[in-house]
Amino acid sequence: MQEFRYVITDEIGIHARPAGLLVKEAKGFDSKITLEANGKSADATRLMSVMGMGVKQGTEVVIKAEGPDEKAAAAKMEEFMKANL
C-alpha cells in the first residue's frame, strides 16, 4: 500500500469541478484509491462520496492506493492534488 498526506490549499476545498477531475484520474488505475479526512473515508472513484466528505481549505487529506499499480496511482494522485487542490 502506498500512502501520502496533502493539505488542501484551494480556497473552496474539494468542490465539484476538482472532485470530478479527481474521480476521473482515480478511475484510470486498477488499484483501490481512498481519501481520508475529518474521520471520514471515501472511495476516490465515487464522486458523491468524495464531495460528501466536505473537505475545506487547510484540511489534511490522506490518500491511499492499494493494488497492482499502487505506486503509479499514488504518484499520479499526488501530482493531481498539487496541481488542482
PDB file of N, CA and C in Angstrom:
ATOM      1  N   MET A   1       0.844  -1.180   0.000  1.00  0.00           N
ATOM      2  CA  MET A   1       0.000   0.000   0.000  1.00  0.00           C
ATOM      3  C   MET A   1       0.892   1.246   0.000  1.00  0.00           C
ATOM      4  N   GLN A   2       0.516   2.195  -0.825  1.00  0.00           N
ATOM      5  CA  GLN A   2       1.194   3.485  -0.902  1.00  0.00           C
ATOM      6  C   GLN A   2       0.280   4.531  -0.261  1.00  0.00           C
ATOM      7  N   GLU A   3       0.884   5.485   0.424  1.00  0.00           N
ATOM      8  CA  GLU A   3       0.088   6.490   1.115  1.00  0.00           C
ATOM      9  C   GLU A   3       0.840   7.807   1.146  1.00  0.00           C
ATOM     10  N   PHE A   4       0.109   8.914   1.056  1.00  0.00           N
ATOM     11  CA  PHE A   4       0.723  10.223   1.244  1.00  0.00           C
ATOM     12  C   PHE A   4      -0.315  11.173   1.831  1.00  0.00           C
ATOM     13  N   ARG A   5       0.177  12.242   2.396  1.00  0.00           N
ATOM     14  CA  ARG A   5      -0.695  13.250   3.010  1.00  0.00           C
ATOM     15  C   ARG A   5      -0.582  14.542   2.220  1.00  0.00           C
ATOM     16  N   TYR A   6      -1.686  15.260   2.152  1.00  0.00           N
ATOM     17  CA  TYR A   6      -1.695  16.522   1.429  1.00  0.00           C
ATOM     18  C   TYR A   6      -2.647  17.482   2.134  1.00  0.00           C
ATOM     19  N   VAL A   7      -2.216  18.720   2.324  1.00  0.00           N
ATOM     20  CA  VAL A   7      -3.073  19.742   2.926  1.00  0.00           C
ATOM     21  C   VAL A   7      -3.709  20.538   1.792  1.00  0.00           C
ATOM     22  N   ILE A   8      -5.035  20.592   1.788  1.00  0.00           N
ATOM     23  CA  ILE A   8      -5.784  21.276   0.729  1.00  0.00           C
ATOM     24  C   ILE A   8      -5.507  22.773   0.777  1.00  0.00           C
ATOM     25  N   THR A   9      -5.064  23.339  -0.348  1.00  0.00           N
ATOM     26  CA  THR A   9      -4.758  24.765  -0.413  1.00  0.00           C
ATOM     27  C   THR A   9      -5.811  25.554  -1.189  1.00  0.00           C
ATOM     28  N   ASP A  10      -6.644  24.868  -1.970  1.00  0.00           N
ATOM     29  CA  ASP A  10      -7.702  25.542  -2.732  1.00  0.00           C
ATOM     30  C   ASP A  10      -8.650  26.238  -1.752  1.00  0.00           C
ATOM     31  N   GLU A  11      -8.944  27.507  -2.005  1.00  0.00           N
ATOM     32  CA  GLU A  11      -9.758  28.284  -1.058  1.00  0.00           C
ATOM     33  C   GLU A  11     -11.175  27.750  -0.884  1.00  0.00           C
ATOM     34  N   ILE A  12     -11.679  26.976  -1.828  1.00  0.00           N
ATOM     35  CA  ILE A  12     -13.030  26.417  -1.734  1.00  0.00           C
ATOM     36  C   ILE A  12     -12.988  24.974  -1.227  1.00  0.00           C
ATOM     37  N   GLY A  13     -11.817  24.369  -1.199  1.00  0.00           N
ATOM     38  CA  GLY A  13     -11.701  22.974  -0.776  1.00  0.00           C
ATOM     39  C   GLY A  13     -11.967  22.049  -1.949  1.00  0.00           C
ATOM     40  N   ILE A  14     -12.370  20.816  -1.641  1.00  0.00           N
ATOM     41  CA  ILE A  14     -12.680  19.857  -2.713  1.00  0.00           C
ATOM     42  C   ILE A  14     -14.133  20.069  -3.110  1.00  0.00           C
ATOM     43  N   HIS A  15     -14.331  20.841  -4.175  1.00  0.00           N
ATOM     44  CA  HIS A  15     -15.678  21.138  -4.675  1.00  0.00           C
ATOM     45  C   HIS A  15     -15.917  20.404  -5.989  1.00  0.00           C
ATOM     46  N   ALA A  16     -17.024  20.645  -6.619  1.00  0.00           N
ATOM     47  CA  ALA A  16     -17.493  19.848  -7.763  1.00  0.00           C
ATOM     48  C   ALA A  16     -16.474  19.661  -8.890  1.00  0.00           C
ATOM     49  N   ARG A  17     -15.903  20.737  -9.398  1.00  0.00           N
ATOM     50  CA  ARG A  17     -15.000  20.614 -10.545  1.00  0.00           C
ATOM     51  C   ARG A  17     -13.769  19.777 -10.235  1.00  0.00           C
ATOM     52  N   PRO A  18     -12.991  20.116  -9.198  1.00  0.00           N
ATOM     53  CA  PRO A  18     -11.816  19.282  -8.940  1.00  0.00           C
ATOM     54  C   PRO A  18     -12.175  17.872  -8.462  1.00  0.00           C
ATOM     55  N   ALA A  19     -13.302  17.726  -7.786  1.00  0.00           N
ATOM     56  CA  ALA A  19     -13.724  16.382  -7.353  1.00  0.00           C
ATOM     57  C   ALA A  19     -13.993  15.510  -8.570  1.00  0.00           C
ATOM     58  N   GLY A  20     -14.638  16.069  -9.585  1.00  0.00           N
ATOM     59  CA  GLY A  20     -14.911  15.331 -10.814  1.00  0.00           C
ATOM     60  C   GLY A  20     -13.631  14.924 -11.522  1.00  0.00           C
ATOM     61  N   LEU A  21     -12.664  15.835 -11.551  1.00  0.00           N
ATOM     62  CA  LEU A  21     -11.383  15.538 -12.181  1.00  0.00           C
ATOM     63  C   LEU A  21     -10.611  14.479 -11.386  1.00  0.00           C
ATOM     64  N   LEU A  22     -10.698  14.568 -10.064  1.00  0.00           N
ATOM     65  CA  LEU A  22     -10.033  13.598  -9.205  1.00  0.00           C
ATOM     66  C   LEU A  22     -10.592  12.196  -9.439  1.00  0.00           C
ATOM     67  N   VAL A  23     -11.907  12.091  -9.507  1.00  0.00           N
ATOM     68  CA  VAL A  23     -12.562  10.800  -9.758  1.00  0.00           C
ATOM     69  C   VAL A  23     -12.130  10.239 -11.115  1.00  0.00           C
ATOM     70  N   LYS A  24     -12.069  11.100 -12.107  1.00  0.00           N
ATOM     71  CA  LYS A  24     -11.652  10.664 -13.442  1.00  0.00           C
ATOM     72  C   LYS A  24     -10.223  10.111 -13.414  1.00  0.00           C
ATOM     73  N   GLU A  25      -9.327  10.793 -12.697  1.00  0.00           N
ATOM     74  CA  GLU A  25      -7.943  10.317 -12.563  1.00  0.00           C
ATOM     75  C   GLU A  25      -7.907   8.963 -11.850  1.00  0.00           C
ATOM     76  N   ALA A  26      -8.651   8.846 -10.757  1.00  0.00           N
ATOM     77  CA  ALA A  26      -8.636   7.624  -9.949  1.00  0.00           C
ATOM     78  C   ALA A  26      -9.166   6.423 -10.718  1.00  0.00           C
ATOM     79  N   LYS A  27     -10.134   6.644 -11.587  1.00  0.00           N
ATOM     80  CA  LYS A  27     -10.714   5.545 -12.363  1.00  0.00           C
ATOM     81  C   LYS A  27      -9.741   4.968 -13.386  1.00  0.00           C
ATOM     82  N   GLY A  28      -8.653   5.665 -13.649  1.00  0.00           N
ATOM     83  CA  GLY A  28      -7.671   5.198 -14.619  1.00  0.00           C
ATOM     84  C   GLY A  28      -6.717   4.143 -14.071  1.00  0.00           C
ATOM     85  N   PHE A  29      -6.883   3.761 -12.810  1.00  0.00           N
ATOM     86  CA  PHE A  29      -5.979   2.789 -12.192  1.00  0.00           C
ATOM     87  C   PHE A  29      -6.733   1.563 -11.709  1.00  0.00           C
ATOM     88  N   ASP A  30      -6.025   0.434 -11.660  1.00  0.00           N
ATOM     89  CA  ASP A  30      -6.611  -0.800 -11.143  1.00  0.00           C
ATOM     90  C   ASP A  30      -6.606  -0.832  -9.623  1.00  0.00           C
ATOM     91  N   SER A  31      -5.732  -0.054  -9.018  1.00  0.00           N
ATOM     92  CA  SER A  31      -5.637  -0.019  -7.559  1.00  0.00           C
ATOM     93  C   SER A  31      -6.851   0.677  -6.943  1.00  0.00           C
ATOM     94  N   LYS A  32      -7.149   0.279  -5.716  1.00  0.00           N
ATOM     95  CA  LYS A  32      -8.215   0.949  -4.970  1.00  0.00           C
ATOM     96  C   LYS A  32      -7.605   2.198  -4.339  1.00  0.00           C
ATOM     97  N   ILE A  33      -8.204   3.352  -4.613  1.00  0.00           N
ATOM     98  CA  ILE A  33      -7.697   4.616  -4.087  1.00  0.00           C
ATOM     99  C   ILE A  33      -8.744   5.185  -3.138  1.00  0.00           C
ATOM    100  N   THR A  34      -8.305   5.516  -1.930  1.00  0.00           N
ATOM    101  CA  THR A  34      -9.224   6.093  -0.951  1.00  0.00           C
ATOM    102  C   THR A  34      -8.678   7.409  -0.419  1.00  0.00           C
ATOM    103  N   LEU A  35      -9.601   8.269  -0.012  1.00  0.00           N
ATOM    104  CA  LEU A  35      -9.262   9.533   0.630  1.00  0.00           C
ATOM    105  C   LEU A  35      -9.790   9.477   2.048  1.00  0.00           C
ATOM    106  N   GLU A  36      -9.010   9.990   2.982  1.00  0.00           N
ATOM    107  CA  GLU A  36      -9.436  10.053   4.369  1.00  0.00           C
ATOM    108  C   GLU A  36      -9.200  11.463   4.889  1.00  0.00           C
ATOM    109  N   ALA A  37     -10.216  12.015   5.564  1.00  0.00           N
ATOM    110  CA  ALA A  37     -10.103  13.336   6.174  1.00  0.00           C
ATOM    111  C   ALA A  37     -11.246  13.519   7.158  1.00  0.00           C
ATOM    112  N   ASN A  38     -10.989  14.250   8.217  1.00  0.00           N
ATOM    113  CA  ASN A  38     -12.021  14.560   9.214  1.00  0.00           C
ATOM    114  C   ASN A  38     -12.725  13.316   9.740  1.00  0.00           C
ATOM    115  N   GLY A  39     -12.003  12.216   9.867  1.00  0.00           N
ATOM    116  CA  GLY A  39     -12.603  10.990  10.377  1.00  0.00           C
ATOM    117  C   GLY A  39     -13.490  10.266   9.389  1.00  0.00           C
ATOM    118  N   LYS A  40     -13.500  10.718   8.132  1.00  0.00           N
ATOM    119  CA  LYS A  40     -14.306  10.083   7.082  1.00  0.00           C
ATOM    120  C   LYS A  40     -13.381   9.475   6.043  1.00  0.00           C
ATOM    121  N   SER A  41     -13.913   8.501   5.315  1.00  0.00           N
ATOM    122  CA  SER A  41     -13.168   7.849   4.247  1.00  0.00           C
ATOM    123  C   SER A  41     -14.066   7.750   3.020  1.00  0.00           C
ATOM    124  N   ALA A  42     -13.467   7.904   1.831  1.00  0.00           N
ATOM    125  CA  ALA A  42     -14.250   7.827   0.598  1.00  0.00           C
ATOM    126  C   ALA A  42     -13.461   7.121  -0.487  1.00  0.00           C
ATOM    127  N   ASP A  43     -14.171   6.356  -1.298  1.00  0.00           N
ATOM    128  CA  ASP A  43     -13.597   5.736  -2.486  1.00  0.00           C
ATOM    129  C   ASP A  43     -13.386   6.860  -3.500  1.00  0.00           C
ATOM    130  N   ALA A  44     -12.157   7.010  -3.971  1.00  0.00           N
ATOM    131  CA  ALA A  44     -11.829   8.113  -4.881  1.00  0.00           C
ATOM    132  C   ALA A  44     -12.483   7.995  -6.252  1.00  0.00           C
ATOM    133  N   THR A  45     -13.129   6.865  -6.545  1.00  0.00           N
ATOM    134  CA  THR A  45     -13.797   6.718  -7.842  1.00  0.00           C
ATOM    135  C   THR A  45     -15.291   7.053  -7.747  1.00  0.00           C
ATOM    136  N   ARG A  46     -15.745   7.489  -6.579  1.00  0.00           N
ATOM    137  CA  ARG A  46     -17.168   7.788  -6.390  1.00  0.00           C
ATOM    138  C   ARG A  46     -17.342   9.275  -6.074  1.00  0.00           C
ATOM    139  N   LEU A  47     -17.821  10.021  -7.047  1.00  0.00           N
ATOM    140  CA  LEU A  47     -17.926  11.476  -6.955  1.00  0.00           C
ATOM    141  C   LEU A  47     -18.701  11.941  -5.716  1.00  0.00           C
ATOM    142  N   MET A  48     -19.860  11.379  -5.485  1.00  0.00           N
ATOM    143  CA  MET A  48     -20.680  11.843  -4.368  1.00  0.00           C
ATOM    144  C   MET A  48     -20.011  11.538  -3.023  1.00  0.00           C
ATOM    145  N   SER A  49     -19.275  10.453  -2.948  1.00  0.00           N
ATOM    146  CA  SER A  49     -18.548  10.128  -1.721  1.00  0.00           C
ATOM    147  C   SER A  49     -17.448  11.147  -1.455  1.00  0.00           C
ATOM    148  N   VAL A  50     -16.719  11.504  -2.504  1.00  0.00           N
ATOM    149  CA  VAL A  50     -15.631  12.483  -2.372  1.00  0.00           C
ATOM    150  C   VAL A  50     -16.197  13.842  -1.973  1.00  0.00           C
ATOM    151  N   MET A  51     -17.240  14.289  -2.653  1.00  0.00           N
ATOM    152  CA  MET A  51     -17.838  15.590  -2.337  1.00  0.00           C
ATOM    153  C   MET A  51     -18.504  15.573  -0.957  1.00  0.00           C
ATOM    154  N   GLY A  52     -19.056  14.430  -0.578  1.00  0.00           N
ATOM    155  CA  GLY A  52     -19.743  14.305   0.699  1.00  0.00           C
ATOM    156  C   GLY A  52     -18.819  14.411   1.907  1.00  0.00           C
ATOM    157  N   MET A  53     -17.522  14.320   1.674  1.00  0.00           N
ATOM    158  CA  MET A  53     -16.578  14.453   2.776  1.00  0.00           C
ATOM    159  C   MET A  53     -16.514  15.884   3.292  1.00  0.00           C
ATOM    160  N   GLY A  54     -16.863  16.843   2.450  1.00  0.00           N
ATOM    161  CA  GLY A  54     -16.866  18.249   2.861  1.00  0.00           C
ATOM    162  C   GLY A  54     -15.489  18.777   3.230  1.00  0.00           C
ATOM    163  N   VAL A  55     -14.481  18.431   2.450  1.00  0.00           N
ATOM    164  CA  VAL A  55     -13.110  18.841   2.754  1.00  0.00           C
ATOM    165  C   VAL A  55     -12.913  20.317   2.395  1.00  0.00           C
ATOM    166  N   LYS A  56     -12.472  21.080   3.380  1.00  0.00           N
ATOM    167  CA  LYS A  56     -12.260  22.525   3.227  1.00  0.00           C
ATOM    168  C   LYS A  56     -10.774  22.844   3.131  1.00  0.00           C
ATOM    169  N   GLN A  57     -10.484  24.096   2.800  1.00  0.00           N
ATOM    170  CA  GLN A  57      -9.102  24.567   2.742  1.00  0.00           C
ATOM    171  C   GLN A  57      -8.431  24.360   4.099  1.00  0.00           C
ATOM    172  N   GLY A  58      -7.187  23.911   4.074  1.00  0.00           N
ATOM    173  CA  GLY A  58      -6.423  23.706   5.297  1.00  0.00           C
ATOM    174  C   GLY A  58      -6.572  22.322   5.909  1.00  0.00           C
ATOM    175  N   THR A  59      -7.453  21.505   5.352  1.00  0.00           N
ATOM    176  CA  THR A  59      -7.668  20.152   5.860  1.00  0.00           C
ATOM    177  C   THR A  59      -6.594  19.210   5.310  1.00  0.00           C
ATOM    178  N   GLU A  60      -6.057  18.369   6.182  1.00  0.00           N
ATOM    179  CA  GLU A  60      -5.091  17.367   5.733  1.00  0.00           C
ATOM    180  C   GLU A  60      -5.851  16.133   5.265  1.00  0.00           C
ATOM    181  N   VAL A  61      -5.526  15.687   4.058  1.00  0.00           N
ATOM    182  CA  VAL A  61      -6.151  14.510   3.461  1.00  0.00           C
ATOM    183  C   VAL A  61      -5.089  13.424   3.332  1.00  0.00           C
ATOM    184  N   VAL A  62      -5.467  12.196   3.665  1.00  0.00           N
ATOM    185  CA  VAL A  62      -4.577  11.050   3.483  1.00  0.00           C
ATOM    186  C   VAL A  62      -5.102  10.280   2.268  1.00  0.00           C
ATOM    187  N   ILE A  63      -4.260  10.102   1.283  1.00  0.00           N
ATOM    188  CA  ILE A  63      -4.633   9.370   0.075  1.00  0.00           C
ATOM    189  C   ILE A  63      -3.886   8.041   0.099  1.00  0.00           C
ATOM    190  N   LYS A  64      -4.651   6.955  -0.055  1.00  0.00           N
ATOM    191  CA  LYS A  64      -4.067   5.614  -0.030  1.00  0.00           C
ATOM    192  C   LYS A  64      -4.377   4.905  -1.344  1.00  0.00           C
ATOM    193  N   ALA A  65      -3.389   4.195  -1.845  1.00  0.00           N
ATOM    194  CA  ALA A  65      -3.565   3.391  -3.059  1.00  0.00           C
ATOM    195  C   ALA A  65      -3.090   1.986  -2.752  1.00  0.00           C
ATOM    196  N   GLU A  66      -3.925   1.013  -3.096  1.00  0.00           N
ATOM    197  CA  GLU A  66      -3.574  -0.375  -2.834  1.00  0.00           C
ATOM    198  C   GLU A  66      -3.983  -1.229  -4.026  1.00  0.00           C
ATOM    199  N   GLY A  67      -3.008  -1.923  -4.613  1.00  0.00           N
ATOM    200  CA  GLY A  67      -3.297  -2.774  -5.749  1.00  0.00           C
ATOM    201  C   GLY A  67      -2.096  -2.922  -6.656  1.00  0.00           C
ATOM    202  N   PRO A  68      -2.317  -3.473  -7.848  1.00  0.00           N
ATOM    203  CA  PRO A  68      -1.204  -3.800  -8.745  1.00  0.00           C
ATOM    204  C   PRO A  68      -0.420  -2.597  -9.258  1.00  0.00           C
ATOM    205  N   ASP A  69      -1.059  -1.442  -9.373  1.00  0.00           N
ATOM    206  CA  ASP A  69      -0.355  -0.257  -9.879  1.00  0.00           C
ATOM    207  C   ASP A  69      -0.343   0.861  -8.834  1.00  0.00           C
ATOM    208  N   GLU A  70      -0.230   0.467  -7.563  1.00  0.00           N
ATOM    209  CA  GLU A  70      -0.349   1.431  -6.469  1.00  0.00           C
ATOM    210  C   GLU A  70       0.719   2.523  -6.486  1.00  0.00           C
ATOM    211  N   LYS A  71       1.942   2.202  -6.884  1.00  0.00           N
ATOM    212  CA  LYS A  71       2.986   3.233  -6.914  1.00  0.00           C
ATOM    213  C   LYS A  71       2.662   4.305  -7.945  1.00  0.00           C
ATOM    214  N   ALA A  72       2.270   3.873  -9.123  1.00  0.00           N
ATOM    215  CA  ALA A  72       1.908   4.826 -10.179  1.00  0.00           C
ATOM    216  C   ALA A  72       0.664   5.607  -9.792  1.00  0.00           C
ATOM    217  N   ALA A  73      -0.304   4.938  -9.176  1.00  0.00           N
ATOM    218  CA  ALA A  73      -1.554   5.593  -8.771  1.00  0.00           C
ATOM    219  C   ALA A  73      -1.282   6.663  -7.720  1.00  0.00           C
ATOM    220  N   ALA A  74      -0.474   6.325  -6.720  1.00  0.00           N
ATOM    221  CA  ALA A  74      -0.161   7.287  -5.661  1.00  0.00           C
ATOM    222  C   ALA A  74       0.604   8.480  -6.219  1.00  0.00           C
ATOM    223  N   ALA A  75       1.554   8.217  -7.102  1.00  0.00           N
ATOM    224  CA  ALA A  75       2.338   9.302  -7.697  1.00  0.00           C
ATOM    225  C   ALA A  75       1.445  10.229  -8.511  1.00  0.00           C
ATOM    226  N   LYS A  76       0.560   9.657  -9.309  1.00  0.00           N
ATOM    227  CA  LYS A  76      -0.340  10.465 -10.145  1.00  0.00           C
ATOM    228  C   LYS A  76      -1.321  11.256  -9.286  1.00  0.00           C
ATOM    229  N   MET A  77      -1.847  10.647  -8.223  1.00  0.00           N
ATOM    230  CA  MET A  77      -2.795  11.346  -7.357  1.00  0.00           C
ATOM    231  C   MET A  77      -2.101  12.490  -6.616  1.00  0.00           C
ATOM    232  N   GLU A  78      -0.856  12.276  -6.210  1.00  0.00           N
ATOM    233  CA  GLU A  78      -0.124  13.352  -5.535  1.00  0.00           C
ATOM    234  C   GLU A  78       0.124  14.514  -6.498  1.00  0.00           C
ATOM    235  N   GLU A  79       0.495  14.179  -7.715  1.00  0.00           N
ATOM    236  CA  GLU A  79       0.701  15.189  -8.764  1.00  0.00           C
ATOM    237  C   GLU A  79      -0.598  15.963  -9.007  1.00  0.00           C
ATOM    238  N   PHE A  80      -1.710  15.232  -9.082  1.00  0.00           N
ATOM    239  CA  PHE A  80      -3.017  15.848  -9.303  1.00  0.00           C
ATOM    240  C   PHE A  80      -3.378  16.802  -8.166  1.00  0.00           C
ATOM    241  N   MET A  81      -3.195  16.347  -6.935  1.00  0.00           N
ATOM    242  CA  MET A  81      -3.550  17.181  -5.769  1.00  0.00           C
ATOM    243  C   MET A  81      -2.748  18.474  -5.771  1.00  0.00           C
ATOM    244  N   LYS A  82      -1.461  18.394  -6.051  1.00  0.00           N
ATOM    245  CA  LYS A  82      -0.605  19.585  -6.053  1.00  0.00           C
ATOM    246  C   LYS A  82      -1.017  20.551  -7.154  1.00  0.00           C
ATOM    247  N   ALA A  83      -1.436  20.035  -8.288  1.00  0.00           N
ATOM    248  CA  ALA A  83      -1.808  20.884  -9.425  1.00  0.00           C
ATOM    249  C   ALA A  83      -3.205  21.484  -9.305  1.00  0.00           C
ATOM    250  N   ASN A  84      -4.115  20.790  -8.612  1.00  0.00           N
ATOM    251  CA  ASN A  84      -5.524  21.209  -8.626  1.00  0.00           C
ATOM    252  C   ASN A  84      -6.119  21.577  -7.277  1.00  0.00           C
ATOM    253  N   LEU A  85      -5.527  21.151  -6.206  1.00  0.00           N
ATOM    254  CA  LEU A  85      -6.119  21.406  -4.898  1.00  0.00           C
ATOM    255  C   LEU A  85      -5.105  21.984  -3.914  1.00  0.00           C
TER     256      LEU A  85
END
